[in-house]
Amino acid sequence: MAVSKEEIARVVEAISPFGTSRGKAMFGGAGVYLDERLIIVIDDGEVFFKTNKETTAEFADKGGKQWGYMMNDQMNLADYWTIPAEDWNSPETLEPWVKLAFSVTKPPKPKAPKKPKKK
């Protein structure tokens, strides 16, 4: 199921107090970036935050659900987890999750300078 522009905008707006945020539709879902780092995946009406080996337990301990996708008739689980619904209610309760997801991402690689066009 495709993610609506409104759904993407809602998540982008929610994390905007923490940096420059933007959303991008992809593969029927969407990615949400904070300061050019992909920290959230939206899929089938659910919002999943980036995790790693060290942070997954925090999400699981709060009842989070892990994101998975089908490929070649096999379910692949990824390092993205949901947060408790009530933590979306205010920037104060959302902030720790945003910071945690941001902390496990790498900064984007610098873009190579554009080569001048030949005349």
N, C-alpha and C. Protein backbone atom coordinates (compact mmCIF):
# COMPACT_ATOMS: atom_id res chain seq x y z
N MET A 1 0.84 -1.18 0.00
CA MET A 1 0.00 0.00 0.00
C MET A 1 0.88 1.24 0.00
N ALA A 2 0.62 2.15 -0.90
CA ALA A 2 1.43 3.36 -1.03
C ALA A 2 1.18 4.29 0.16
N VAL A 3 2.20 5.05 0.50
CA VAL A 3 2.13 6.02 1.58
C VAL A 3 1.65 7.34 0.99
N SER A 4 0.70 7.99 1.64
CA SER A 4 0.16 9.25 1.13
C SER A 4 1.11 10.41 1.43
N LYS A 5 0.99 11.45 0.63
CA LYS A 5 1.78 12.67 0.86
C LYS A 5 1.46 13.26 2.22
N GLU A 6 0.22 13.14 2.64
CA GLU A 6 -0.19 13.66 3.95
C GLU A 6 0.48 12.90 5.10
N GLU A 7 0.58 11.60 4.93
CA GLU A 7 1.23 10.77 5.95
C GLU A 7 2.71 11.13 6.07
N ILE A 8 3.37 11.30 4.94
CA ILE A 8 4.78 11.70 4.94
C ILE A 8 4.92 13.07 5.59
N ALA A 9 4.06 14.01 5.20
CA ALA A 9 4.12 15.37 5.73
C ALA A 9 3.93 15.39 7.25
N ARG A 10 3.05 14.52 7.76
CA ARG A 10 2.80 14.46 9.20
C ARG A 10 4.06 14.05 9.96
N VAL A 11 4.77 13.05 9.45
CA VAL A 11 5.99 12.59 10.11
C VAL A 11 7.10 13.63 9.98
N VAL A 12 7.23 14.21 8.79
CA VAL A 12 8.24 15.26 8.58
C VAL A 12 8.01 16.41 9.54
N GLU A 13 6.77 16.83 9.69
CA GLU A 13 6.42 17.93 10.61
C GLU A 13 6.74 17.56 12.05
N ALA A 14 6.44 16.32 12.44
CA ALA A 14 6.66 15.89 13.82
C ALA A 14 8.14 15.93 14.21
N ILE A 15 9.03 15.59 13.27
CA ILE A 15 10.46 15.58 13.62
C ILE A 15 11.16 16.89 13.28
N SER A 16 10.45 17.84 12.69
CA SER A 16 11.08 19.10 12.27
C SER A 16 11.68 19.93 13.42
N PRO A 17 11.20 19.83 14.66
CA PRO A 17 11.86 20.59 15.73
C PRO A 17 13.30 20.15 16.00
N PHE A 18 13.70 18.99 15.47
CA PHE A 18 15.00 18.42 15.80
C PHE A 18 16.05 18.62 14.71
N GLY A 19 15.68 19.28 13.62
CA GLY A 19 16.62 19.53 12.52
C GLY A 19 15.86 19.72 11.23
N THR A 20 16.61 19.75 10.14
CA THR A 20 16.00 19.90 8.82
C THR A 20 15.46 18.54 8.39
N SER A 21 14.16 18.47 8.15
CA SER A 21 13.53 17.20 7.82
C SER A 21 12.88 17.26 6.45
N ARG A 22 12.85 16.10 5.81
CA ARG A 22 12.19 15.97 4.51
C ARG A 22 11.80 14.52 4.31
N GLY A 23 10.81 14.29 3.46
CA GLY A 23 10.38 12.95 3.16
C GLY A 23 10.55 12.65 1.69
N LYS A 24 10.62 11.37 1.38
CA LYS A 24 10.79 10.94 0.00
C LYS A 24 10.07 9.61 -0.19
N ALA A 25 9.15 9.60 -1.15
CA ALA A 25 8.45 8.35 -1.46
C ALA A 25 9.43 7.38 -2.11
N MET A 26 9.34 6.11 -1.71
CA MET A 26 10.20 5.09 -2.31
C MET A 26 9.61 3.71 -2.13
N PHE A 27 9.63 2.92 -3.19
CA PHE A 27 9.24 1.51 -3.15
C PHE A 27 7.88 1.27 -2.49
N GLY A 28 6.92 2.13 -2.73
CA GLY A 28 5.60 1.98 -2.14
C GLY A 28 5.50 2.50 -0.73
N GLY A 29 6.60 2.82 -0.12
CA GLY A 29 6.63 3.41 1.22
C GLY A 29 7.27 4.77 1.15
N ALA A 30 7.96 5.16 2.20
CA ALA A 30 8.64 6.45 2.21
C ALA A 30 9.80 6.41 3.18
N GLY A 31 10.77 7.26 2.92
CA GLY A 31 11.87 7.48 3.84
C GLY A 31 11.78 8.89 4.36
N VAL A 32 12.13 9.11 5.62
CA VAL A 32 12.14 10.44 6.20
C VAL A 32 13.55 10.72 6.70
N TYR A 33 14.05 11.86 6.30
CA TYR A 33 15.42 12.26 6.58
C TYR A 33 15.46 13.38 7.60
N LEU A 34 16.44 13.34 8.47
CA LEU A 34 16.72 14.42 9.40
C LEU A 34 18.16 14.83 9.17
N ASP A 35 18.35 16.09 8.80
CA ASP A 35 19.69 16.59 8.47
C ASP A 35 20.39 15.65 7.49
N GLU A 36 19.62 15.24 6.48
CA GLU A 36 20.08 14.39 5.36
C GLU A 36 20.47 12.97 5.76
N ARG A 37 20.04 12.53 6.94
CA ARG A 37 20.25 11.15 7.35
C ARG A 37 18.91 10.43 7.38
N LEU A 38 18.83 9.27 6.74
CA LEU A 38 17.61 8.48 6.72
C LEU A 38 17.40 7.86 8.09
N ILE A 39 16.40 8.37 8.82
CA ILE A 39 16.17 7.85 10.18
C ILE A 39 14.84 7.13 10.32
N ILE A 40 13.95 7.28 9.34
CA ILE A 40 12.61 6.70 9.45
C ILE A 40 12.19 6.09 8.13
N VAL A 41 11.52 4.95 8.22
CA VAL A 41 10.86 4.33 7.07
C VAL A 41 9.37 4.26 7.40
N ILE A 42 8.54 4.68 6.45
CA ILE A 42 7.09 4.57 6.61
C ILE A 42 6.63 3.49 5.64
N ASP A 43 5.90 2.51 6.16
CA ASP A 43 5.43 1.41 5.32
C ASP A 43 4.10 0.90 5.85
N ASP A 44 3.15 0.81 4.97
CA ASP A 44 1.84 0.24 5.29
C ASP A 44 1.22 0.87 6.54
N GLY A 45 1.31 2.20 6.64
CA GLY A 45 0.68 2.91 7.73
C GLY A 45 1.44 2.92 9.04
N GLU A 46 2.64 2.38 9.05
CA GLU A 46 3.44 2.35 10.27
C GLU A 46 4.75 3.10 10.07
N VAL A 47 5.26 3.66 11.16
CA VAL A 47 6.48 4.45 11.13
C VAL A 47 7.55 3.71 11.93
N PHE A 48 8.68 3.47 11.26
CA PHE A 48 9.76 2.69 11.85
C PHE A 48 11.03 3.54 11.95
N PHE A 49 11.67 3.55 13.12
CA PHE A 49 12.88 4.31 13.37
C PHE A 49 14.12 3.43 13.21
N LYS A 50 15.19 4.02 12.69
CA LYS A 50 16.45 3.31 12.49
C LYS A 50 17.04 2.86 13.83
N THR A 51 17.54 1.63 13.86
CA THR A 51 18.19 1.08 15.06
C THR A 51 19.50 0.41 14.65
N ASN A 52 20.21 -0.10 15.63
CA ASN A 52 21.37 -0.95 15.39
C ASN A 52 21.45 -1.98 16.51
N LYS A 53 22.51 -2.77 16.55
CA LYS A 53 22.64 -3.83 17.57
C LYS A 53 22.51 -3.28 18.98
N GLU A 54 23.06 -2.09 19.21
CA GLU A 54 23.07 -1.53 20.55
C GLU A 54 21.73 -0.91 20.96
N THR A 55 20.94 -0.44 20.00
CA THR A 55 19.71 0.29 20.34
C THR A 55 18.42 -0.51 20.16
N THR A 56 18.47 -1.63 19.47
CA THR A 56 17.27 -2.40 19.19
C THR A 56 16.52 -2.78 20.46
N ALA A 57 17.21 -3.13 21.50
CA ALA A 57 16.57 -3.57 22.74
C ALA A 57 15.67 -2.49 23.33
N GLU A 58 16.08 -1.22 23.21
CA GLU A 58 15.26 -0.14 23.75
C GLU A 58 13.90 -0.08 23.06
N PHE A 59 13.89 -0.30 21.76
CA PHE A 59 12.64 -0.30 21.01
C PHE A 59 11.82 -1.55 21.33
N ALA A 60 12.47 -2.70 21.37
CA ALA A 60 11.78 -3.96 21.67
C ALA A 60 11.20 -3.94 23.08
N ASP A 61 11.95 -3.40 24.04
CA ASP A 61 11.49 -3.34 25.43
C ASP A 61 10.23 -2.49 25.59
N LYS A 62 10.01 -1.55 24.68
CA LYS A 62 8.82 -0.69 24.74
C LYS A 62 7.70 -1.22 23.86
N GLY A 63 7.83 -2.46 23.41
CA GLY A 63 6.79 -3.09 22.62
C GLY A 63 6.85 -2.78 21.14
N GLY A 64 8.00 -2.31 20.67
CA GLY A 64 8.15 -1.97 19.27
C GLY A 64 8.02 -3.18 18.36
N LYS A 65 7.68 -2.89 17.12
CA LYS A 65 7.54 -3.91 16.09
C LYS A 65 8.63 -3.67 15.05
N GLN A 66 9.30 -4.72 14.64
CA GLN A 66 10.38 -4.61 13.67
C GLN A 66 9.82 -4.58 12.25
N TRP A 67 10.44 -3.77 11.40
CA TRP A 67 10.04 -3.67 10.00
C TRP A 67 10.65 -4.80 9.20
N GLY A 68 9.86 -5.36 8.32
CA GLY A 68 10.34 -6.39 7.41
C GLY A 68 9.74 -6.19 6.04
N TYR A 69 10.38 -6.77 5.06
CA TYR A 69 9.90 -6.67 3.68
C TYR A 69 10.16 -8.00 2.98
N MET A 70 9.33 -8.28 1.99
CA MET A 70 9.46 -9.52 1.23
C MET A 70 10.39 -9.32 0.04
N MET A 71 11.28 -10.29 -0.14
CA MET A 71 12.15 -10.30 -1.31
C MET A 71 12.42 -11.75 -1.66
N ASN A 72 12.19 -12.10 -2.92
CA ASN A 72 12.39 -13.48 -3.37
C ASN A 72 11.66 -14.48 -2.48
N ASP A 73 10.40 -14.16 -2.19
CA ASP A 73 9.54 -15.02 -1.37
C ASP A 73 10.09 -15.28 0.03
N GLN A 74 10.88 -14.36 0.53
CA GLN A 74 11.45 -14.51 1.88
C GLN A 74 11.29 -13.20 2.63
N MET A 75 10.90 -13.29 3.91
CA MET A 75 10.79 -12.11 4.76
C MET A 75 12.18 -11.70 5.23
N ASN A 76 12.52 -10.44 5.00
CA ASN A 76 13.79 -9.89 5.45
C ASN A 76 13.50 -8.84 6.52
N LEU A 77 14.07 -9.02 7.70
CA LEU A 77 13.89 -8.06 8.77
C LEU A 77 15.01 -7.03 8.71
N ALA A 78 14.64 -5.78 8.94
CA ALA A 78 15.61 -4.69 8.85
C ALA A 78 15.72 -3.99 10.20
N ASP A 79 16.74 -3.18 10.34
CA ASP A 79 17.01 -2.46 11.59
C ASP A 79 16.17 -1.19 11.70
N TYR A 80 14.86 -1.36 11.68
CA TYR A 80 13.91 -0.27 11.88
C TYR A 80 12.80 -0.79 12.76
N TRP A 81 12.41 0.00 13.79
CA TRP A 81 11.41 -0.42 14.76
C TRP A 81 10.41 0.71 15.03
N THR A 82 9.19 0.32 15.41
CA THR A 82 8.18 1.30 15.81
C THR A 82 8.44 1.76 17.24
N ILE A 83 7.79 2.86 17.59
CA ILE A 83 7.85 3.38 18.96
C ILE A 83 6.42 3.35 19.54
N PRO A 84 6.28 3.50 20.85
CA PRO A 84 4.93 3.53 21.44
C PRO A 84 4.10 4.68 20.86
N ALA A 85 2.84 4.42 20.56
CA ALA A 85 1.96 5.42 19.95
C ALA A 85 1.89 6.70 20.77
N GLU A 86 1.87 6.58 22.09
CA GLU A 86 1.76 7.77 22.93
C GLU A 86 2.99 8.68 22.85
N ASP A 87 4.12 8.15 22.40
CA ASP A 87 5.33 8.98 22.30
C ASP A 87 5.29 9.93 21.12
N TRP A 88 4.28 9.81 20.26
CA TRP A 88 4.07 10.77 19.16
C TRP A 88 3.32 12.01 19.66
N ASN A 89 2.82 12.00 20.90
CA ASN A 89 1.96 13.07 21.39
C ASN A 89 2.64 14.40 21.64
N SER A 90 3.94 14.40 21.85
CA SER A 90 4.62 15.68 22.11
C SER A 90 6.07 15.60 21.66
N PRO A 91 6.67 16.75 21.36
CA PRO A 91 8.09 16.75 21.00
C PRO A 91 8.98 16.20 22.11
N GLU A 92 8.57 16.39 23.35
CA GLU A 92 9.38 15.91 24.48
C GLU A 92 9.45 14.39 24.54
N THR A 93 8.37 13.71 24.21
CA THR A 93 8.38 12.25 24.25
C THR A 93 8.92 11.66 22.95
N LEU A 94 8.84 12.42 21.87
CA LEU A 94 9.36 11.96 20.58
C LEU A 94 10.87 12.15 20.47
N GLU A 95 11.38 13.19 21.09
CA GLU A 95 12.80 13.55 20.95
C GLU A 95 13.79 12.43 21.25
N PRO A 96 13.65 11.68 22.34
CA PRO A 96 14.64 10.62 22.61
C PRO A 96 14.72 9.59 21.48
N TRP A 97 13.58 9.26 20.87
CA TRP A 97 13.57 8.28 19.78
C TRP A 97 14.24 8.84 18.54
N VAL A 98 13.96 10.10 18.24
CA VAL A 98 14.58 10.75 17.08
C VAL A 98 16.09 10.81 17.27
N LYS A 99 16.52 11.22 18.46
CA LYS A 99 17.96 11.30 18.73
C LYS A 99 18.63 9.94 18.66
N LEU A 100 17.96 8.92 19.16
CA LEU A 100 18.51 7.57 19.12
C LEU A 100 18.67 7.09 17.68
N ALA A 101 17.64 7.29 16.87
CA ALA A 101 17.70 6.89 15.46
C ALA A 101 18.78 7.68 14.72
N PHE A 102 18.86 8.97 14.99
CA PHE A 102 19.86 9.81 14.33
C PHE A 102 21.27 9.36 14.71
N SER A 103 21.45 8.96 15.96
CA SER A 103 22.79 8.61 16.45
C SER A 103 23.37 7.37 15.79
N VAL A 104 22.52 6.52 15.22
CA VAL A 104 23.02 5.27 14.61
C VAL A 104 23.17 5.36 13.09
N THR A 105 22.95 6.54 12.56
CA THR A 105 23.12 6.73 11.11
C THR A 105 24.43 7.41 10.82
N LYS A 106 24.87 7.27 9.60
CA LYS A 106 26.11 7.91 9.17
C LYS A 106 25.77 9.18 8.40
N PRO A 107 26.63 10.20 8.51
CA PRO A 107 26.38 11.40 7.71
C PRO A 107 26.48 11.06 6.22
N PRO A 108 25.75 11.81 5.40
CA PRO A 108 25.82 11.53 3.96
C PRO A 108 27.22 11.82 3.42
N LYS A 109 27.58 11.09 2.38
CA LYS A 109 28.86 11.33 1.74
C LYS A 109 28.80 12.66 1.00
N PRO A 110 29.88 13.41 1.02
CA PRO A 110 29.87 14.68 0.28
C PRO A 110 29.67 14.42 -1.20
N LYS A 111 28.91 15.29 -1.82
CA LYS A 111 28.68 15.14 -3.26
C LYS A 111 29.90 15.63 -4.01
N ALA A 112 30.22 14.90 -5.06
CA ALA A 112 31.36 15.28 -5.90
C ALA A 112 30.98 16.56 -6.66
N PRO A 113 31.94 17.45 -6.83
CA PRO A 113 31.62 18.66 -7.57
C PRO A 113 31.26 18.33 -9.02
N LYS A 114 30.34 19.11 -9.57
CA LYS A 114 29.92 18.88 -10.94
C LYS A 114 31.03 19.31 -11.88
N LYS A 115 31.20 18.47 -12.88
CA LYS A 115 32.21 18.78 -13.89
C LYS A 115 31.63 19.82 -14.85
N PRO A 116 32.46 20.78 -15.26
CA PRO A 116 31.94 21.78 -16.19
C PRO A 116 31.60 21.15 -17.52
N LYS A 117 30.58 21.67 -18.17
CA LYS A 117 30.17 21.16 -19.47
C LYS A 117 31.21 21.58 -20.52
N LYS A 118 31.44 20.65 -21.44
CA LYS A 118 32.37 20.96 -22.53
C LYS A 118 31.65 21.83 -23.55
N LYS A 119 32.39 22.75 -24.10
CA LYS A 119 31.79 23.64 -25.12
C LYS A 119 32.19 23.22 -26.50
